């Protein structure tokens, strides 16, 4: 599968400690199809690049929205100078299970 690229705003969860980027609906559909049947609570392992920073994490299904959300850890936000509301250019690659 080819890399998936998109840009979306960084947002804060209601508790104020976690930051996420929402994967667009059309790409969420592609990820759901390509990742196969869901396991556990539906997380999908990915490799992510934002700017010069690359890491491995999981996408999580968004409750009631039908798309995935990508957690963006503090080390990445600091390294890339990201603040809440900033547009985040993301490149995703699915990691085979």
N, C-alpha and C. Protein backbone atom coordinates (compact mmCIF):
# COMPACT_ATOMS: atom_id res chain seq x y z
N UNK A 1 0.84 -1.18 0.00
CA UNK A 1 0.00 0.00 0.00
C UNK A 1 0.88 1.25 0.00
N UNK A 2 0.48 2.23 -0.76
CA UNK A 2 1.20 3.50 -0.80
C UNK A 2 0.99 4.28 0.50
N UNK A 3 1.91 5.21 0.74
CA UNK A 3 1.74 6.11 1.88
C UNK A 3 0.49 6.95 1.69
N UNK A 4 -0.13 7.32 2.79
CA UNK A 4 -1.31 8.19 2.79
C UNK A 4 -0.89 9.54 3.36
N UNK A 5 -1.22 10.60 2.66
CA UNK A 5 -0.83 11.94 3.12
C UNK A 5 -2.06 12.83 3.26
N UNK A 6 -2.05 13.65 4.29
CA UNK A 6 -3.13 14.61 4.52
C UNK A 6 -2.63 15.68 5.48
N UNK A 7 -3.37 16.75 5.56
CA UNK A 7 -3.11 17.81 6.53
C UNK A 7 -4.40 18.07 7.29
N UNK A 8 -4.30 18.13 8.62
CA UNK A 8 -5.47 18.36 9.46
C UNK A 8 -5.01 19.10 10.72
N UNK A 9 -5.93 19.83 11.37
CA UNK A 9 -5.55 20.59 12.57
C UNK A 9 -5.29 19.70 13.79
N UNK A 10 -4.35 20.14 14.61
CA UNK A 10 -4.06 19.50 15.88
C UNK A 10 -5.12 19.94 16.89
N UNK A 11 -5.70 18.99 17.61
CA UNK A 11 -6.72 19.35 18.60
C UNK A 11 -6.46 18.64 19.92
N UNK A 12 -7.02 19.20 20.96
CA UNK A 12 -6.84 18.72 22.33
C UNK A 12 -8.10 17.98 22.77
N UNK A 13 -7.93 16.85 23.46
CA UNK A 13 -9.09 16.13 23.97
C UNK A 13 -9.74 16.92 25.10
N UNK A 14 -10.91 16.49 25.50
CA UNK A 14 -11.66 17.24 26.51
C UNK A 14 -10.96 17.28 27.86
N UNK A 15 -10.07 16.31 28.12
CA UNK A 15 -9.33 16.30 29.39
C UNK A 15 -8.15 17.24 29.39
N UNK A 16 -7.76 17.70 28.22
CA UNK A 16 -6.70 18.69 28.12
C UNK A 16 -5.28 18.19 28.08
N UNK A 17 -5.09 16.86 28.03
CA UNK A 17 -3.71 16.37 28.06
C UNK A 17 -3.27 15.69 26.77
N UNK A 18 -4.17 15.06 26.05
CA UNK A 18 -3.83 14.37 24.82
C UNK A 18 -4.11 15.26 23.62
N UNK A 19 -3.24 15.13 22.60
CA UNK A 19 -3.43 15.88 21.35
C UNK A 19 -3.59 14.88 20.20
N UNK A 20 -4.45 15.24 19.25
CA UNK A 20 -4.78 14.34 18.15
C UNK A 20 -4.88 15.11 16.84
N UNK A 21 -4.81 14.35 15.76
CA UNK A 21 -5.15 14.82 14.42
C UNK A 21 -6.18 13.82 13.91
N UNK A 22 -7.26 14.31 13.32
CA UNK A 22 -8.30 13.44 12.79
C UNK A 22 -7.99 13.08 11.35
N UNK A 23 -7.99 11.78 11.06
CA UNK A 23 -7.77 11.30 9.70
C UNK A 23 -9.05 11.57 8.91
N UNK A 24 -8.94 12.17 7.72
CA UNK A 24 -10.14 12.46 6.91
C UNK A 24 -10.95 11.19 6.63
N UNK A 25 -12.26 11.39 6.43
CA UNK A 25 -13.18 10.28 6.22
C UNK A 25 -12.74 9.36 5.08
N UNK A 26 -12.35 9.94 3.93
CA UNK A 26 -12.01 9.09 2.78
C UNK A 26 -10.78 8.24 3.07
N UNK A 27 -9.79 8.79 3.75
CA UNK A 27 -8.60 8.01 4.09
C UNK A 27 -8.90 7.01 5.20
N UNK A 28 -9.79 7.34 6.10
CA UNK A 28 -10.21 6.38 7.14
C UNK A 28 -10.84 5.16 6.48
N UNK A 29 -11.63 5.39 5.44
CA UNK A 29 -12.24 4.26 4.70
C UNK A 29 -11.18 3.39 4.06
N UNK A 30 -10.16 4.00 3.46
CA UNK A 30 -9.05 3.25 2.85
C UNK A 30 -8.32 2.44 3.92
N UNK A 31 -8.02 3.05 5.04
CA UNK A 31 -7.31 2.37 6.13
C UNK A 31 -8.13 1.20 6.65
N UNK A 32 -9.41 1.41 6.84
CA UNK A 32 -10.29 0.34 7.33
C UNK A 32 -10.28 -0.84 6.37
N UNK A 33 -10.32 -0.57 5.07
CA UNK A 33 -10.32 -1.62 4.04
C UNK A 33 -8.97 -2.34 4.01
N UNK A 34 -7.88 -1.58 3.99
CA UNK A 34 -6.54 -2.14 3.85
C UNK A 34 -6.05 -2.87 5.10
N UNK A 35 -6.52 -2.47 6.27
CA UNK A 35 -6.02 -3.07 7.52
C UNK A 35 -6.73 -4.38 7.85
N UNK A 36 -7.80 -4.70 7.14
CA UNK A 36 -8.50 -5.96 7.38
C UNK A 36 -9.42 -5.90 8.58
N UNK A 37 -9.89 -7.08 9.01
CA UNK A 37 -10.83 -7.11 10.13
C UNK A 37 -10.23 -6.49 11.39
N UNK A 38 -11.04 -5.73 12.13
CA UNK A 38 -10.51 -5.08 13.34
C UNK A 38 -10.15 -6.11 14.41
N UNK A 39 -9.13 -5.77 15.18
CA UNK A 39 -8.74 -6.60 16.32
C UNK A 39 -8.86 -5.75 17.58
N UNK A 40 -9.06 -6.40 18.69
CA UNK A 40 -9.15 -5.67 19.95
C UNK A 40 -10.20 -4.57 19.87
N UNK A 41 -9.78 -3.35 20.12
CA UNK A 41 -10.74 -2.24 20.06
C UNK A 41 -10.60 -1.44 18.77
N UNK A 42 -10.01 -2.05 17.74
CA UNK A 42 -9.98 -1.44 16.42
C UNK A 42 -8.77 -0.59 16.09
N UNK A 43 -7.73 -0.62 16.93
CA UNK A 43 -6.52 0.17 16.66
C UNK A 43 -5.79 -0.39 15.45
N UNK A 44 -5.14 0.49 14.70
CA UNK A 44 -4.38 0.12 13.51
C UNK A 44 -2.96 0.64 13.68
N UNK A 45 -1.97 -0.25 13.57
CA UNK A 45 -0.56 0.14 13.72
C UNK A 45 -0.09 0.88 12.47
N UNK A 46 0.62 1.99 12.69
CA UNK A 46 1.11 2.81 11.59
C UNK A 46 2.49 3.37 11.89
N UNK A 47 3.18 3.72 10.81
CA UNK A 47 4.38 4.55 10.91
C UNK A 47 3.96 5.93 10.43
N UNK A 48 4.35 6.95 11.17
CA UNK A 48 3.90 8.31 10.89
C UNK A 48 5.10 9.22 10.70
N UNK A 49 4.99 10.12 9.73
CA UNK A 49 5.98 11.19 9.58
C UNK A 49 5.26 12.52 9.62
N UNK A 50 5.77 13.41 10.45
CA UNK A 50 5.31 14.80 10.52
C UNK A 50 6.58 15.64 10.46
N UNK A 51 6.75 16.35 9.37
CA UNK A 51 7.99 17.10 9.20
C UNK A 51 9.17 16.16 9.19
N UNK A 52 10.18 16.44 10.00
CA UNK A 52 11.38 15.62 10.07
C UNK A 52 11.27 14.49 11.10
N UNK A 53 10.13 14.37 11.76
CA UNK A 53 9.95 13.39 12.83
C UNK A 53 9.15 12.19 12.34
N UNK A 54 9.69 10.98 12.56
CA UNK A 54 9.00 9.75 12.19
C UNK A 54 8.93 8.85 13.42
N UNK A 55 7.77 8.23 13.65
CA UNK A 55 7.59 7.34 14.78
C UNK A 55 6.52 6.31 14.46
N UNK A 56 6.42 5.30 15.31
CA UNK A 56 5.38 4.27 15.18
C UNK A 56 4.38 4.45 16.31
N UNK A 57 3.12 4.28 15.95
CA UNK A 57 2.04 4.42 16.92
C UNK A 57 0.83 3.66 16.38
N UNK A 58 -0.32 3.92 16.93
CA UNK A 58 -1.56 3.34 16.44
C UNK A 58 -2.58 4.43 16.18
N UNK A 59 -3.40 4.20 15.16
CA UNK A 59 -4.59 5.02 14.95
C UNK A 59 -5.71 4.39 15.76
N UNK A 60 -6.61 5.22 16.26
CA UNK A 60 -7.72 4.72 17.05
C UNK A 60 -9.03 5.15 16.42
N UNK A 61 -10.03 4.25 16.43
CA UNK A 61 -11.32 4.64 15.89
C UNK A 61 -11.94 5.74 16.75
N UNK A 62 -12.50 6.73 16.10
CA UNK A 62 -13.14 7.83 16.79
C UNK A 62 -14.56 7.43 17.16
N UNK A 63 -14.90 7.58 18.41
CA UNK A 63 -16.22 7.19 18.89
C UNK A 63 -17.32 7.92 18.13
N UNK A 64 -18.13 7.17 17.42
CA UNK A 64 -19.30 7.72 16.74
C UNK A 64 -19.04 8.51 15.47
N UNK A 65 -17.77 8.70 15.08
CA UNK A 65 -17.50 9.53 13.91
C UNK A 65 -17.16 8.71 12.67
N UNK A 66 -16.74 7.46 12.86
CA UNK A 66 -16.43 6.60 11.73
C UNK A 66 -15.06 6.81 11.13
N UNK A 67 -14.28 7.72 11.68
CA UNK A 67 -12.92 7.90 11.16
C UNK A 67 -11.93 7.59 12.28
N UNK A 68 -10.66 7.69 11.94
CA UNK A 68 -9.60 7.41 12.91
C UNK A 68 -9.00 8.72 13.43
N UNK A 69 -8.40 8.61 14.62
CA UNK A 69 -7.65 9.74 15.17
C UNK A 69 -6.22 9.27 15.42
N UNK A 70 -5.29 10.19 15.22
CA UNK A 70 -3.87 9.94 15.39
C UNK A 70 -3.38 10.70 16.62
N UNK A 71 -2.90 10.00 17.66
CA UNK A 71 -2.33 10.71 18.80
C UNK A 71 -0.98 11.30 18.41
N UNK A 72 -0.72 12.54 18.83
CA UNK A 72 0.55 13.20 18.53
C UNK A 72 1.21 13.51 19.88
N UNK A 73 2.26 12.75 20.17
CA UNK A 73 2.89 12.86 21.49
C UNK A 73 3.64 14.19 21.65
N UNK A 74 3.87 14.55 22.90
CA UNK A 74 4.49 15.83 23.23
C UNK A 74 5.86 16.00 22.58
N UNK A 75 6.66 14.94 22.53
CA UNK A 75 8.00 15.04 21.93
C UNK A 75 7.92 15.45 20.46
N UNK A 76 6.92 14.94 19.75
CA UNK A 76 6.74 15.30 18.34
C UNK A 76 6.28 16.75 18.23
N UNK A 77 5.34 17.15 19.08
CA UNK A 77 4.85 18.53 19.04
C UNK A 77 5.98 19.52 19.31
N UNK A 78 6.82 19.20 20.29
CA UNK A 78 7.96 20.07 20.58
C UNK A 78 8.94 20.12 19.41
N UNK A 79 9.30 18.94 18.89
CA UNK A 79 10.28 18.86 17.80
C UNK A 79 9.82 19.61 16.56
N UNK A 80 8.52 19.59 16.31
CA UNK A 80 7.97 20.21 15.10
C UNK A 80 7.33 21.58 15.36
N UNK A 81 7.36 22.03 16.62
CA UNK A 81 6.82 23.35 16.95
C UNK A 81 5.32 23.45 16.74
N UNK A 82 4.58 22.38 17.07
CA UNK A 82 3.13 22.34 16.84
C UNK A 82 2.35 22.79 18.06
N UNK A 83 1.35 23.62 17.82
CA UNK A 83 0.43 24.08 18.86
C UNK A 83 -0.99 23.71 18.48
N UNK A 84 -1.88 23.69 19.47
CA UNK A 84 -3.29 23.38 19.20
C UNK A 84 -3.81 24.26 18.06
N UNK A 85 -4.51 23.64 17.13
CA UNK A 85 -5.09 24.37 16.00
C UNK A 85 -4.19 24.46 14.79
N UNK A 86 -2.89 24.18 14.95
CA UNK A 86 -1.98 24.23 13.81
C UNK A 86 -2.31 23.15 12.79
N UNK A 87 -2.17 23.44 11.50
CA UNK A 87 -2.32 22.40 10.49
C UNK A 87 -1.11 21.48 10.56
N UNK A 88 -1.37 20.17 10.57
CA UNK A 88 -0.30 19.19 10.69
C UNK A 88 -0.24 18.36 9.41
N UNK A 89 0.86 18.44 8.67
CA UNK A 89 1.03 17.61 7.48
C UNK A 89 1.49 16.21 7.90
N UNK A 90 0.69 15.21 7.58
CA UNK A 90 0.92 13.84 8.05
C UNK A 90 1.14 12.91 6.87
N UNK A 91 2.10 12.00 7.02
CA UNK A 91 2.27 10.89 6.08
C UNK A 91 2.17 9.61 6.91
N UNK A 92 1.23 8.74 6.51
CA UNK A 92 0.99 7.48 7.22
C UNK A 92 1.38 6.29 6.35
N UNK A 93 1.89 5.26 7.00
CA UNK A 93 2.13 3.98 6.35
C UNK A 93 1.61 2.90 7.29
N UNK A 94 0.73 2.03 6.80
CA UNK A 94 0.23 0.94 7.62
C UNK A 94 1.34 -0.05 7.89
N UNK A 95 1.37 -0.58 9.12
CA UNK A 95 2.32 -1.62 9.49
C UNK A 95 1.55 -2.94 9.49
N UNK A 96 1.96 -3.89 8.66
CA UNK A 96 1.24 -5.17 8.60
C UNK A 96 1.22 -5.85 9.96
N UNK A 97 0.07 -6.46 10.27
CA UNK A 97 -0.04 -7.17 11.57
C UNK A 97 0.51 -8.57 11.48
